């Protein structure tokens, strides 16, 4: 990735290798399709999605795709996340393993429900 400051999600994704671009485009499509009315933007130098409040973010690193769904979700998904590195509010999906798109879709749906109920 370049050191340039990105202003759009398109610019952000385009700054990565094609294999990573494809993954990020699919994650982006999941978020946009699952969340009518979501606002897409760059925040904290990464793709960020917002409804009433921040919904979810993602960021690419050399070794993994980080998904940032908020502080509650990594605990909720327990066994489904056991093979991934997690910390408070962060799930890291390594590039060298298949990306669990179904799980990402479930996480986005859960976050939408949490925000609709205004639960954090």
C-alpha atoms as a PDB file:
ATOM      1  CA  UNK A   1       0.000   0.000   0.000  1.00  0.00           C
ATOM      2  CA  UNK A   2       1.202   3.486  -0.693  1.00  0.00           C
ATOM      3  CA  UNK A   3       1.702   6.126   1.975  1.00  0.00           C
ATOM      4  CA  UNK A   4      -0.867   8.388   0.307  1.00  0.00           C
ATOM      5  CA  UNK A   5      -3.913   9.358   2.306  1.00  0.00           C
ATOM      6  CA  UNK A   6      -6.961   7.655   0.816  1.00  0.00           C
ATOM      7  CA  UNK A   7     -10.197   9.604   0.559  1.00  0.00           C
ATOM      8  CA  UNK A   8     -12.478   6.907  -0.903  1.00  0.00           C
ATOM      9  CA  UNK A   9     -12.954   3.200  -0.406  1.00  0.00           C
ATOM     10  CA  UNK A  10     -12.232   2.699  -4.121  1.00  0.00           C
ATOM     11  CA  UNK A  11      -8.815   4.358  -3.691  1.00  0.00           C
ATOM     12  CA  UNK A  12      -8.109   2.312  -0.573  1.00  0.00           C
ATOM     13  CA  UNK A  13      -8.907  -1.014  -2.236  1.00  0.00           C
ATOM     14  CA  UNK A  14      -7.063  -0.093  -5.447  1.00  0.00           C
ATOM     15  CA  UNK A  15      -3.870   0.514  -3.470  1.00  0.00           C
ATOM     16  CA  UNK A  16      -3.519  -3.235  -2.691  1.00  0.00           C
ATOM     17  CA  UNK A  17      -2.528  -6.254  -4.812  1.00  0.00           C
ATOM     18  CA  UNK A  18      -5.286  -7.762  -6.992  1.00  0.00           C
ATOM     19  CA  UNK A  19      -5.796 -10.831  -4.770  1.00  0.00           C
ATOM     20  CA  UNK A  20      -6.425  -8.631  -1.730  1.00  0.00           C
ATOM     21  CA  UNK A  21      -8.564  -6.247  -3.781  1.00  0.00           C
ATOM     22  CA  UNK A  22     -10.869  -9.128  -4.699  1.00  0.00           C
ATOM     23  CA  UNK A  23     -11.318 -10.084  -1.046  1.00  0.00           C
ATOM     24  CA  UNK A  24     -11.976  -6.515   0.051  1.00  0.00           C
ATOM     25  CA  UNK A  25     -14.457  -5.960  -2.786  1.00  0.00           C
ATOM     26  CA  UNK A  26     -16.367  -9.056  -1.688  1.00  0.00           C
ATOM     27  CA  UNK A  27     -16.412  -7.912   1.959  1.00  0.00           C
ATOM     28  CA  UNK A  28     -17.528  -4.470   0.809  1.00  0.00           C
ATOM     29  CA  UNK A  29     -20.328  -6.014  -1.273  1.00  0.00           C
ATOM     30  CA  UNK A  30     -21.493  -8.067   1.717  1.00  0.00           C
ATOM     31  CA  UNK A  31     -21.669  -4.960   3.894  1.00  0.00           C
ATOM     32  CA  UNK A  32     -23.455  -2.838   1.279  1.00  0.00           C
ATOM     33  CA  UNK A  33     -25.956  -5.578   0.349  1.00  0.00           C
ATOM     34  CA  UNK A  34     -26.724  -6.394   3.989  1.00  0.00           C
ATOM     35  CA  UNK A  35     -27.200  -2.844   5.166  1.00  0.00           C
ATOM     36  CA  UNK A  36     -29.634  -0.559   3.335  1.00  0.00           C
ATOM     37  CA  UNK A  37     -28.893   3.074   4.103  1.00  0.00           C
ATOM     38  CA  UNK A  38     -25.331   2.427   5.253  1.00  0.00           C
ATOM     39  CA  UNK A  39     -22.864   5.269   4.804  1.00  0.00           C
ATOM     40  CA  UNK A  40     -19.531   4.205   3.298  1.00  0.00           C
ATOM     41  CA  UNK A  41     -16.491   6.349   3.982  1.00  0.00           C
ATOM     42  CA  UNK A  42     -12.855   6.341   4.980  1.00  0.00           C
ATOM     43  CA  UNK A  43     -12.400   6.803   8.719  1.00  0.00           C
ATOM     44  CA  UNK A  44      -9.314   6.028  10.773  1.00  0.00           C
ATOM     45  CA  UNK A  45      -7.564   5.468   7.404  1.00  0.00           C
ATOM     46  CA  UNK A  46      -9.706   2.428   6.541  1.00  0.00           C
ATOM     47  CA  UNK A  47     -13.055   1.602   4.931  1.00  0.00           C
ATOM     48  CA  UNK A  48     -15.736   2.399   7.483  1.00  0.00           C
ATOM     49  CA  UNK A  49     -19.470   1.830   7.443  1.00  0.00           C
ATOM     50  CA  UNK A  50     -21.983   3.695   9.557  1.00  0.00           C
ATOM     51  CA  UNK A  51     -25.696   3.549  10.317  1.00  0.00           C
ATOM     52  CA  UNK A  52     -26.668   5.495  13.431  1.00  0.00           C
ATOM     53  CA  UNK A  53     -23.160   4.880  14.699  1.00  0.00           C
ATOM     54  CA  UNK A  54     -20.142   3.004  13.393  1.00  0.00           C
ATOM     55  CA  UNK A  55     -21.245  -0.385  12.079  1.00  0.00           C
ATOM     56  CA  UNK A  56     -18.060  -2.129  10.950  1.00  0.00           C
ATOM     57  CA  UNK A  57     -14.652  -1.330   9.471  1.00  0.00           C
ATOM     58  CA  UNK A  58     -12.022  -3.352   7.670  1.00  0.00           C
ATOM     59  CA  UNK A  59      -8.359  -2.887   6.908  1.00  0.00           C
ATOM     60  CA  UNK A  60      -5.713  -4.818   5.042  1.00  0.00           C
ATOM     61  CA  UNK A  61      -2.270  -5.529   6.390  1.00  0.00           C
ATOM     62  CA  UNK A  62       0.562  -7.543   4.923  1.00  0.00           C
ATOM     63  CA  UNK A  63      -0.531 -10.701   6.781  1.00  0.00           C
ATOM     64  CA  UNK A  64      -4.288 -10.400   7.272  1.00  0.00           C
ATOM     65  CA  UNK A  65      -7.594  -8.658   6.697  1.00  0.00           C
ATOM     66  CA  UNK A  66      -8.766  -7.045   9.912  1.00  0.00           C
ATOM     67  CA  UNK A  67     -12.491  -6.748  10.572  1.00  0.00           C
ATOM     68  CA  UNK A  68     -13.574  -4.373  13.322  1.00  0.00           C
ATOM     69  CA  UNK A  69     -17.193  -5.076  14.328  1.00  0.00           C
ATOM     70  CA  UNK A  70     -17.189  -3.534  17.787  1.00  0.00           C
ATOM     71  CA  UNK A  71     -16.306  -4.811  21.200  1.00  0.00           C
ATOM     72  CA  UNK A  72     -19.089  -7.339  21.795  1.00  0.00           C
ATOM     73  CA  UNK A  73     -19.013  -9.541  18.717  1.00  0.00           C
ATOM     74  CA  UNK A  74     -15.757 -11.470  19.112  1.00  0.00           C
ATOM     75  CA  UNK A  75     -17.112 -12.865  22.386  1.00  0.00           C
ATOM     76  CA  UNK A  76     -20.498 -13.741  20.810  1.00  0.00           C
ATOM     77  CA  UNK A  77     -18.980 -15.796  17.990  1.00  0.00           C
ATOM     78  CA  UNK A  78     -16.656 -17.830  20.263  1.00  0.00           C
ATOM     79  CA  UNK A  79     -16.123 -21.218  18.573  1.00  0.00           C
ATOM     80  CA  UNK A  80     -16.588 -19.838  15.069  1.00  0.00           C
ATOM     81  CA  UNK A  81     -13.607 -17.537  15.642  1.00  0.00           C
ATOM     82  CA  UNK A  82     -11.311 -19.965  17.468  1.00  0.00           C
ATOM     83  CA  UNK A  83      -9.023 -20.457  14.466  1.00  0.00           C
ATOM     84  CA  UNK A  84      -8.540 -16.695  14.020  1.00  0.00           C
ATOM     85  CA  UNK A  85      -6.579 -14.146  15.982  1.00  0.00           C
ATOM     86  CA  UNK A  86      -9.008 -11.902  17.860  1.00  0.00           C
ATOM     87  CA  UNK A  87      -8.826  -9.148  20.413  1.00  0.00           C
ATOM     88  CA  UNK A  88     -11.326  -6.685  21.789  1.00  0.00           C
ATOM     89  CA  UNK A  89     -13.257  -5.476  18.745  1.00  0.00           C
ATOM     90  CA  UNK A  90     -10.927  -7.085  16.177  1.00  0.00           C
ATOM     91  CA  UNK A  91     -10.953 -10.246  14.087  1.00  0.00           C
ATOM     92  CA  UNK A  92      -7.947 -11.022  11.886  1.00  0.00           C
ATOM     93  CA  UNK A  93      -8.414 -13.259   8.853  1.00  0.00           C
ATOM     94  CA  UNK A  94      -5.025 -14.332   7.454  1.00  0.00           C
ATOM     95  CA  UNK A  95      -4.523 -14.012   3.719  1.00  0.00           C
ATOM     96  CA  UNK A  96      -3.130 -17.544   3.537  1.00  0.00           C
ATOM     97  CA  UNK A  97      -6.465 -19.135   4.583  1.00  0.00           C
ATOM     98  CA  UNK A  98      -9.874 -18.971   2.918  1.00  0.00           C
ATOM     99  CA  UNK A  99     -11.795 -15.868   4.000  1.00  0.00           C
ATOM    100  CA  UNK A 100     -15.022 -16.926   5.809  1.00  0.00           C
ATOM    101  CA  UNK A 101     -17.461 -14.745   3.882  1.00  0.00           C
ATOM    102  CA  UNK A 102     -20.478 -16.496   5.463  1.00  0.00           C
ATOM    103  CA  UNK A 103     -19.189 -15.592   8.911  1.00  0.00           C
ATOM    104  CA  UNK A 104     -18.533 -11.992   7.873  1.00  0.00           C
ATOM    105  CA  UNK A 105     -22.088 -11.788   6.557  1.00  0.00           C
ATOM    106  CA  UNK A 106     -23.434 -13.097   9.887  1.00  0.00           C
ATOM    107  CA  UNK A 107     -21.334 -10.600  11.820  1.00  0.00           C
ATOM    108  CA  UNK A 108     -22.565  -7.693   9.694  1.00  0.00           C
ATOM    109  CA  UNK A 109     -26.181  -8.829  10.159  1.00  0.00           C
ATOM    110  CA  UNK A 110     -25.688  -9.065  13.938  1.00  0.00           C
ATOM    111  CA  UNK A 111     -24.137  -5.592  14.041  1.00  0.00           C
ATOM    112  CA  UNK A 112     -27.072  -4.172  12.071  1.00  0.00           C
ATOM    113  CA  UNK A 113     -29.502  -5.706  14.586  1.00  0.00           C
ATOM    114  CA  UNK A 114     -27.453  -4.318  17.468  1.00  0.00           C
ATOM    115  CA  UNK A 115     -27.514  -0.818  16.021  1.00  0.00           C
ATOM    116  CA  UNK A 116     -31.197  -0.994  15.150  1.00  0.00           C
ATOM    117  CA  UNK A 117     -31.841  -1.875  18.772  1.00  0.00           C
ATOM    118  CA  UNK A 118     -29.255   0.734  19.768  1.00  0.00           C
ATOM    119  CA  UNK A 119     -27.377  -1.888  21.787  1.00  0.00           C
ATOM    120  CA  UNK A 120     -23.620  -1.751  22.054  1.00  0.00           C
END
